Protein backbone atom coordinates (compact mmCIF):
# COMPACT_ATOMS: atom_id res chain seq x y z
CA MET A 1 16.89 22.93 -27.16
CA THR A 2 18.35 19.55 -26.17
CA GLU A 3 17.05 17.94 -23.06
CA GLN A 4 20.60 18.62 -21.07
CA GLU A 5 19.90 22.27 -22.05
CA PHE A 6 16.26 22.28 -21.10
CA PHE A 7 17.44 20.46 -17.89
CA ASP A 8 20.10 23.36 -16.91
CA ILE A 9 17.51 26.36 -16.95
CA LEU A 10 14.70 24.30 -15.16
CA LEU A 11 17.26 23.48 -12.54
CA GLY A 12 18.56 27.36 -12.11
CA CYS A 13 14.95 28.18 -11.90
CA TRP A 14 14.12 26.16 -9.49
CA PHE A 15 16.73 27.32 -7.48
CA LEU A 16 15.96 30.54 -7.60
CA LEU A 17 11.93 29.67 -6.83
CA ALA A 18 13.11 28.19 -3.83
CA ILE A 19 14.93 31.14 -2.56
CA VAL A 20 11.84 33.10 -3.00
CA THR A 21 9.42 30.52 -1.40
CA PHE A 22 11.50 31.29 1.40
CA VAL A 23 11.33 34.53 1.72
CA VAL A 24 7.62 34.48 1.37
CA LEU A 25 7.12 32.07 3.49
CA LEU A 26 8.89 33.72 6.62
CA ARG A 27 6.15 36.03 6.01
CA TRP A 28 3.02 34.16 5.39
CA SER A 29 2.38 30.41 6.55
CA ALA A 30 0.77 27.44 4.31
CA PRO A 31 -2.76 27.50 4.81
CA TYR A 32 -2.67 23.79 5.88
CA GLY A 33 -2.93 21.74 9.19
CA ARG A 34 -2.94 23.97 11.88
CA HIS A 35 -2.17 26.98 9.93
CA THR A 36 -5.65 26.04 7.97
CA ARG A 37 -7.58 29.20 7.13
CA GLY A 38 -10.31 30.49 4.86
CA GLY A 39 -9.92 32.10 1.61
CA TRP A 40 -8.08 29.55 -0.33
CA GLY A 41 -11.02 28.23 -2.62
CA PRO A 42 -12.40 24.39 -2.95
CA THR A 43 -11.09 22.00 -0.66
CA LEU A 44 -9.76 18.70 -0.69
CA GLY A 45 -9.81 15.84 2.62
CA THR A 46 -6.27 15.54 4.08
CA ARG A 47 -5.79 12.20 3.12
CA ALA A 48 -6.96 12.38 -0.67
CA GLY A 49 -4.71 15.62 -0.61
CA TRP A 50 -1.47 14.11 0.81
CA PHE A 51 -1.74 11.24 -1.42
CA LEU A 52 -2.34 13.36 -4.51
CA MET A 53 0.63 15.76 -3.66
CA GLU A 54 3.14 12.93 -2.87
CA VAL A 55 2.10 10.08 -5.61
CA PRO A 56 3.90 11.27 -8.45
CA ALA A 57 7.25 11.54 -6.27
CA SER A 58 7.03 7.82 -6.14
CA LEU A 59 5.42 6.63 -9.75
CA LEU A 60 7.69 9.31 -11.38
CA PHE A 61 10.91 8.25 -10.09
CA LEU A 62 9.67 4.59 -11.00
CA LEU A 63 9.42 5.69 -14.61
CA TRP A 64 12.70 7.49 -14.92
CA PHE A 65 14.42 4.35 -13.30
CA VAL A 66 12.17 2.59 -15.73
CA VAL A 67 13.34 4.46 -19.09
CA GLY A 68 16.74 5.57 -18.06
CA SER A 69 19.34 5.01 -20.64
CA ASN A 70 22.52 4.98 -18.00
CA PRO A 71 23.48 1.38 -17.49
CA LEU A 72 22.08 -0.13 -14.29
CA SER A 73 24.41 -0.14 -11.45
CA VAL A 74 24.53 -0.59 -7.59
CA PRO A 75 24.57 2.66 -6.65
CA LEU A 76 21.54 3.90 -8.96
CA LEU A 77 19.77 1.14 -7.88
CA ALA A 78 20.56 2.32 -3.97
CA PHE A 79 19.41 5.41 -4.89
CA PHE A 80 16.30 4.10 -6.52
CA LEU A 81 15.52 2.13 -3.10
CA MET A 82 16.39 5.59 -0.92
CA TRP A 83 14.08 7.41 -2.67
CA GLN A 84 11.21 5.07 -2.57
CA VAL A 85 12.05 3.95 1.13
CA HIS A 86 10.78 7.30 1.77
CA TYR A 87 8.03 8.32 -0.88
CA VAL A 88 6.39 5.14 -0.54
CA HIS A 89 5.89 5.88 2.77
CA ARG A 90 4.44 9.09 1.54
CA ALA A 91 1.98 8.49 -0.75
CA PHE A 92 0.64 5.05 0.18
CA ILE A 93 0.82 4.90 3.79
CA TYR A 94 1.10 8.52 5.81
CA PRO A 95 -2.52 9.63 4.34
CA PHE A 96 -3.77 6.54 5.94
CA SER A 97 -2.29 6.77 9.25
CA LEU A 98 -4.15 10.11 9.86
CA GLY A 99 -7.13 8.63 11.91
CA GLY A 100 -10.76 10.04 11.12
CA SER A 101 -9.57 13.74 11.32
CA VAL A 102 -12.14 15.66 9.04
CA ARG A 103 -9.75 18.38 8.50
CA ARG A 104 -9.41 19.57 4.76
CA MET A 105 -6.72 21.52 2.98
CA PRO A 106 -7.23 24.08 -0.04
CA LEU A 107 -6.72 22.34 -3.51
CA ALA A 108 -4.33 25.03 -4.64
CA ILE A 109 -2.15 23.53 -2.17
CA VAL A 110 -2.34 19.93 -3.35
CA ALA A 111 -2.45 21.54 -6.76
CA PHE A 112 1.26 23.14 -6.12
CA GLY A 113 2.63 20.04 -4.04
CA PHE A 114 1.49 17.95 -7.03
CA VAL A 115 3.59 20.24 -9.26
CA PHE A 116 6.38 20.32 -7.25
CA ASN A 117 7.13 16.56 -6.78
CA VAL A 118 6.63 16.21 -10.80
CA VAL A 119 9.39 18.99 -10.95
CA ASN A 120 11.64 17.93 -8.37
CA THR A 121 11.28 14.17 -9.16
CA TYR A 122 11.95 15.12 -12.99
CA LEU A 123 14.84 16.70 -12.03
CA ASN A 124 16.10 13.91 -9.39
CA GLY A 125 15.39 11.33 -11.59
CA ARG A 126 16.06 12.11 -14.74
CA TYR A 127 19.50 13.32 -13.83
CA LEU A 128 20.48 10.38 -12.01
CA PHE A 129 18.97 7.73 -14.59
CA THR A 130 19.59 9.62 -17.90
CA LEU A 131 21.64 12.63 -18.05
CA SER A 132 24.47 11.77 -15.57
CA TYR A 133 27.42 10.18 -15.97
CA GLY A 134 26.41 7.28 -14.28
CA TYR A 135 28.10 5.45 -10.94
CA PRO A 136 30.71 3.38 -10.67
CA ASP A 137 30.58 0.58 -8.50
CA ASP A 138 32.78 1.51 -5.99
CA TRP A 139 30.91 4.81 -5.11
CA LEU A 140 29.11 2.94 -2.39
CA THR A 141 32.26 3.16 -0.68
CA GLY A 142 33.40 6.25 -1.07
CA PRO A 143 33.17 9.05 1.48
CA ARG A 144 29.99 11.19 -0.02
CA PHE A 145 27.79 7.84 -0.33
CA ILE A 146 29.02 6.86 3.52
CA VAL A 147 28.06 10.36 4.93
CA GLY A 148 25.34 11.07 3.07
CA LEU A 149 23.56 7.56 3.71
CA THR A 150 24.19 7.85 7.38
CA LEU A 151 22.99 11.80 7.03
CA PHE A 152 19.44 10.20 5.21
CA ALA A 153 18.96 6.80 7.66
CA ALA A 154 19.13 9.81 10.54
CA GLY A 155 17.09 12.11 9.19
CA TYR A 156 14.43 8.84 8.68
CA VAL A 157 14.37 7.39 12.08
CA LEU A 158 14.51 10.98 13.49
CA ASN A 159 11.25 11.79 11.15
CA ARG A 160 9.40 8.48 11.43
CA HIS A 161 10.28 8.38 15.53
CA SER A 162 8.91 12.27 16.10
CA ASP A 163 5.91 11.65 14.00
CA LEU A 164 4.70 7.98 15.92
CA VAL A 165 5.76 10.28 19.99
CA LEU A 166 3.08 13.16 18.44
CA ARG A 167 0.66 10.41 17.27
CA ALA A 168 0.97 8.05 20.83
CA GLU A 169 0.87 11.15 22.96
CA ARG A 170 -2.27 12.45 21.00
CA THR A 171 -3.84 9.16 21.53
CA ARG A 172 -2.84 8.97 25.24
CA THR A 173 -4.24 12.53 26.04
CA GLY A 174 -7.02 12.51 23.20
CA GLU A 175 -5.61 16.15 22.44
CA ARG A 176 -5.26 17.49 19.14
CA TYR A 177 -2.20 19.40 20.26
CA CYS A 178 0.15 18.78 23.30
CA VAL A 179 3.67 19.67 24.57
CA ILE A 180 6.37 16.91 24.33
CA GLU A 181 8.46 16.99 27.01
CA GLY A 182 10.98 13.94 26.43
CA GLY A 183 14.23 13.38 23.66
CA ILE A 184 15.25 15.88 21.32
CA PHE A 185 11.31 17.49 21.75
CA ARG A 186 12.92 19.22 24.27
CA TYR A 187 15.17 21.24 22.37
CA ILE A 188 12.81 22.11 19.16
CA CYS A 189 9.60 22.16 18.49
CA CYS A 190 9.28 20.36 15.35
CA PRO A 191 11.91 17.37 15.29
CA ASN A 192 9.50 16.01 12.46
CA TYR A 193 10.57 18.77 10.33
CA LEU A 194 14.64 18.15 11.04
CA GLY A 195 14.20 14.95 10.07
CA GLU A 196 13.01 15.53 6.47
CA ILE A 197 15.81 18.19 6.05
CA LEU A 198 18.30 15.98 7.15
CA ILE A 199 16.97 13.21 4.60
CA TRP A 200 17.51 15.51 1.76
CA VAL A 201 20.85 17.26 3.03
CA GLY A 202 21.96 13.47 2.98
CA TRP A 203 20.49 12.60 -0.36
CA ALA A 204 21.98 15.57 -1.69
CA THR A 205 25.35 14.34 -0.30
CA ALA A 206 25.07 10.82 -1.26
CA THR A 207 24.45 11.96 -5.11
CA TRP A 208 27.06 14.85 -5.06
CA SER A 209 24.28 16.67 -8.00
CA LEU A 210 22.86 19.74 -7.79
CA ALA A 211 19.67 18.14 -8.59
CA GLY A 212 19.82 16.87 -5.40
CA LEU A 213 21.21 19.79 -3.71
CA SER A 214 18.11 21.61 -5.15
CA PHE A 215 16.02 19.08 -3.40
CA ALA A 216 17.31 19.88 0.03
CA VAL A 217 17.56 23.84 -0.46
CA TRP A 218 13.57 23.35 -1.37
CA ALA A 219 13.32 21.27 2.11
CA MET A 220 14.73 24.08 4.10
CA ALA A 221 12.91 26.44 2.30
CA ASN A 222 9.62 24.96 2.96
CA LEU A 223 10.73 23.45 6.55
CA LEU A 224 12.57 26.41 8.00
CA PRO A 225 9.70 28.84 7.92
CA ARG A 226 7.08 26.81 8.84
CA ALA A 227 9.09 25.29 11.83
CA ARG A 228 9.29 28.97 13.23
CA THR A 229 5.66 29.74 12.28
CA HIS A 230 4.51 26.33 14.55
CA LEU A 231 6.85 27.67 17.66
CA ARG A 232 4.82 30.96 17.28
CA TRP A 233 1.68 29.25 17.28
CA CYS A 234 2.43 26.58 20.42
CA ARG A 235 4.07 30.01 22.14
CA ASP A 236 0.22 31.63 21.73
CA TYR A 237 -1.90 28.27 22.08
CA PHE A 238 -0.05 26.74 25.39
CA GLU A 239 0.10 29.32 28.05
CA ASP A 240 3.33 27.27 29.56
CA TYR A 241 5.05 26.45 26.67
CA PRO A 242 8.67 26.05 27.31
CA GLU A 243 10.52 29.56 26.94
CA GLY A 244 14.18 28.43 25.81
CA ARG A 245 12.74 25.99 23.31
CA LYS A 246 13.58 26.66 19.72
CA ALA A 247 11.78 25.78 16.21
CA ILE A 248 13.79 23.25 14.53
CA ILE A 249 17.71 23.37 15.21
CA PRO A 250 18.61 23.11 18.80
CA GLY A 251 19.90 26.77 20.11
CA LEU A 252 20.08 28.47 16.83
CA TRP A 253 16.59 28.43 14.77
């Protein structure tokens, strides 16, 4: 079996697994964060868990970039930087910004996240830097890259801003959970998740690849159900939670 044949089979299975995951998560929430519950075996501290889950995405993408056989081009360098802007933060900054929380996460969830990032990074990195036909320099001025980069940047700003607003409000109130009233929080419960989805829809558009699309599908399969679970939790936890607020898409979901 050639690597291309292996890649194609893995990519097809990856799409199918994303659909299965979406259906499962609509019924059962993943047991981490505010939805942590017992019965999932050994646990790790949240900081260590997030670091171990996310670090393969940064380091392995660097590996596929270095060993890739496609000639280095400006678009490939741009894709490398886009990916690393997100994952360097997720692996090396975000876990250590979680404060002094003693909350833990199941080792099973950490293992799933680790495997996900290994496979996802292989599909995206190996495609871009070896298995694709490459990208000409004028790709950066084409509509797919411009629209994709715009979505990516908008999602990144929304994701980071939402996290900062939540952290600032928790610091101000001294409460672990609080209701935010301003900005996009007025309309949806989880704008940070919406930002994450926009990032990878933008990535899929900018790279115009099935590997990129698979990541966008996975982001939606994971975050759409989790946002709905968050919304249900908030309505149960807060007596006066805004009735018309949606989970992640204003007016829809």
